[in-house]
């Protein structure tokens, strides 16, 4: 009897945790793929010609930084 009670409690807590996490995640407004986009030149992002999500001035700034290192 006690084992069944603990299993029911574990399932209930897991379900509530999932539902709460899902509710918080859906309320943030972050779109799928947001964290996959390169926002800066770090971690190999500078190998692309045009980085999405930043303006042209910032793109030129990163190009100047990389040309000074060489």
C-alpha atoms as a PDB file:
ATOM      1  CA  UNK A   1       0.000   0.000   0.000  1.00  0.00           C
ATOM      2  CA  UNK A   2       2.772   2.440   0.860  1.00  0.00           C
ATOM      3  CA  UNK A   3       4.546   1.758  -2.434  1.00  0.00           C
ATOM      4  CA  UNK A   4       1.442   2.597  -4.429  1.00  0.00           C
ATOM      5  CA  UNK A   5       1.033   5.819  -2.465  1.00  0.00           C
ATOM      6  CA  UNK A   6       4.633   6.899  -3.158  1.00  0.00           C
ATOM      7  CA  UNK A   7       4.241   6.059  -6.854  1.00  0.00           C
ATOM      8  CA  UNK A   8       1.076   8.159  -7.011  1.00  0.00           C
ATOM      9  CA  UNK A   9       2.814  11.041  -5.223  1.00  0.00           C
ATOM     10  CA  UNK A  10       5.810  10.824  -7.587  1.00  0.00           C
ATOM     11  CA  UNK A  11       3.559  10.834 -10.667  1.00  0.00           C
ATOM     12  CA  UNK A  12       1.546  13.772  -9.306  1.00  0.00           C
ATOM     13  CA  UNK A  13       4.651  15.803  -8.455  1.00  0.00           C
ATOM     14  CA  UNK A  14       6.228  15.029 -11.837  1.00  0.00           C
ATOM     15  CA  UNK A  15       3.062  16.002 -13.680  1.00  0.00           C
ATOM     16  CA  UNK A  16       2.693  19.245 -11.738  1.00  0.00           C
ATOM     17  CA  UNK A  17       6.364  20.069 -12.289  1.00  0.00           C
ATOM     18  CA  UNK A  18       6.055  19.481 -16.022  1.00  0.00           C
ATOM     19  CA  UNK A  19       2.859  21.518 -16.270  1.00  0.00           C
ATOM     20  CA  UNK A  20       4.387  24.381 -14.270  1.00  0.00           C
ATOM     21  CA  UNK A  21       7.546  24.411 -16.363  1.00  0.00           C
ATOM     22  CA  UNK A  22       5.548  24.327 -19.568  1.00  0.00           C
ATOM     23  CA  UNK A  23       3.345  27.202 -18.397  1.00  0.00           C
ATOM     24  CA  UNK A  24       6.361  29.341 -17.513  1.00  0.00           C
ATOM     25  CA  UNK A  25       8.101  28.489 -20.779  1.00  0.00           C
ATOM     26  CA  UNK A  26       5.108  29.351 -22.928  1.00  0.00           C
ATOM     27  CA  UNK A  27       4.645  32.670 -21.120  1.00  0.00           C
ATOM     28  CA  UNK A  28       8.173  33.936 -21.850  1.00  0.00           C
ATOM     29  CA  UNK A  29       7.493  34.564 -25.536  1.00  0.00           C
ATOM     30  CA  UNK A  30      10.780  33.043 -26.720  1.00  0.00           C
ATOM     31  CA  UNK A  31      10.333  31.497 -30.132  1.00  0.00           C
ATOM     32  CA  UNK A  32      11.731  28.079 -31.062  1.00  0.00           C
ATOM     33  CA  UNK A  33      15.219  28.355 -32.519  1.00  0.00           C
ATOM     34  CA  UNK A  34      16.000  31.588 -30.656  1.00  0.00           C
ATOM     35  CA  UNK A  35      19.042  30.160 -28.931  1.00  0.00           C
ATOM     36  CA  UNK A  36      20.347  28.641 -32.173  1.00  0.00           C
ATOM     37  CA  UNK A  37      20.792  32.051 -33.809  1.00  0.00           C
ATOM     38  CA  UNK A  38      24.266  33.551 -33.760  1.00  0.00           C
ATOM     39  CA  UNK A  39      24.155  36.966 -32.131  1.00  0.00           C
ATOM     40  CA  UNK A  40      27.852  37.701 -31.877  1.00  0.00           C
ATOM     41  CA  UNK A  41      31.160  36.683 -33.361  1.00  0.00           C
ATOM     42  CA  UNK A  42      32.043  34.310 -30.529  1.00  0.00           C
ATOM     43  CA  UNK A  43      32.108  30.519 -30.686  1.00  0.00           C
ATOM     44  CA  UNK A  44      32.668  30.330 -34.422  1.00  0.00           C
ATOM     45  CA  UNK A  45      29.893  32.733 -35.373  1.00  0.00           C
ATOM     46  CA  UNK A  46      32.356  35.023 -37.154  1.00  0.00           C
ATOM     47  CA  UNK A  47      32.841  32.498 -39.960  1.00  0.00           C
ATOM     48  CA  UNK A  48      29.518  33.492 -41.493  1.00  0.00           C
ATOM     49  CA  UNK A  49      29.403  36.457 -43.840  1.00  0.00           C
ATOM     50  CA  UNK A  50      26.170  37.924 -42.516  1.00  0.00           C
ATOM     51  CA  UNK A  51      25.088  37.211 -38.975  1.00  0.00           C
ATOM     52  CA  UNK A  52      21.337  37.398 -38.416  1.00  0.00           C
ATOM     53  CA  UNK A  53      19.989  39.388 -35.515  1.00  0.00           C
ATOM     54  CA  UNK A  54      22.528  42.232 -35.382  1.00  0.00           C
ATOM     55  CA  UNK A  55      22.677  45.454 -37.340  1.00  0.00           C
ATOM     56  CA  UNK A  56      25.268  46.331 -39.977  1.00  0.00           C
ATOM     57  CA  UNK A  57      27.256  48.654 -37.683  1.00  0.00           C
ATOM     58  CA  UNK A  58      27.813  45.914 -35.140  1.00  0.00           C
ATOM     59  CA  UNK A  59      28.691  43.479 -37.941  1.00  0.00           C
ATOM     60  CA  UNK A  60      31.344  45.924 -39.198  1.00  0.00           C
ATOM     61  CA  UNK A  61      32.660  46.308 -35.652  1.00  0.00           C
ATOM     62  CA  UNK A  62      33.205  42.558 -35.350  1.00  0.00           C
ATOM     63  CA  UNK A  63      34.909  42.461 -38.755  1.00  0.00           C
ATOM     64  CA  UNK A  64      37.300  45.240 -37.626  1.00  0.00           C
ATOM     65  CA  UNK A  65      38.112  43.345 -34.444  1.00  0.00           C
ATOM     66  CA  UNK A  66      38.976  40.189 -36.334  1.00  0.00           C
ATOM     67  CA  UNK A  67      41.114  42.038 -38.897  1.00  0.00           C
ATOM     68  CA  UNK A  68      43.198  43.697 -36.141  1.00  0.00           C
ATOM     69  CA  UNK A  69      44.122  40.313 -34.678  1.00  0.00           C
ATOM     70  CA  UNK A  70      45.641  39.025 -37.908  1.00  0.00           C
END
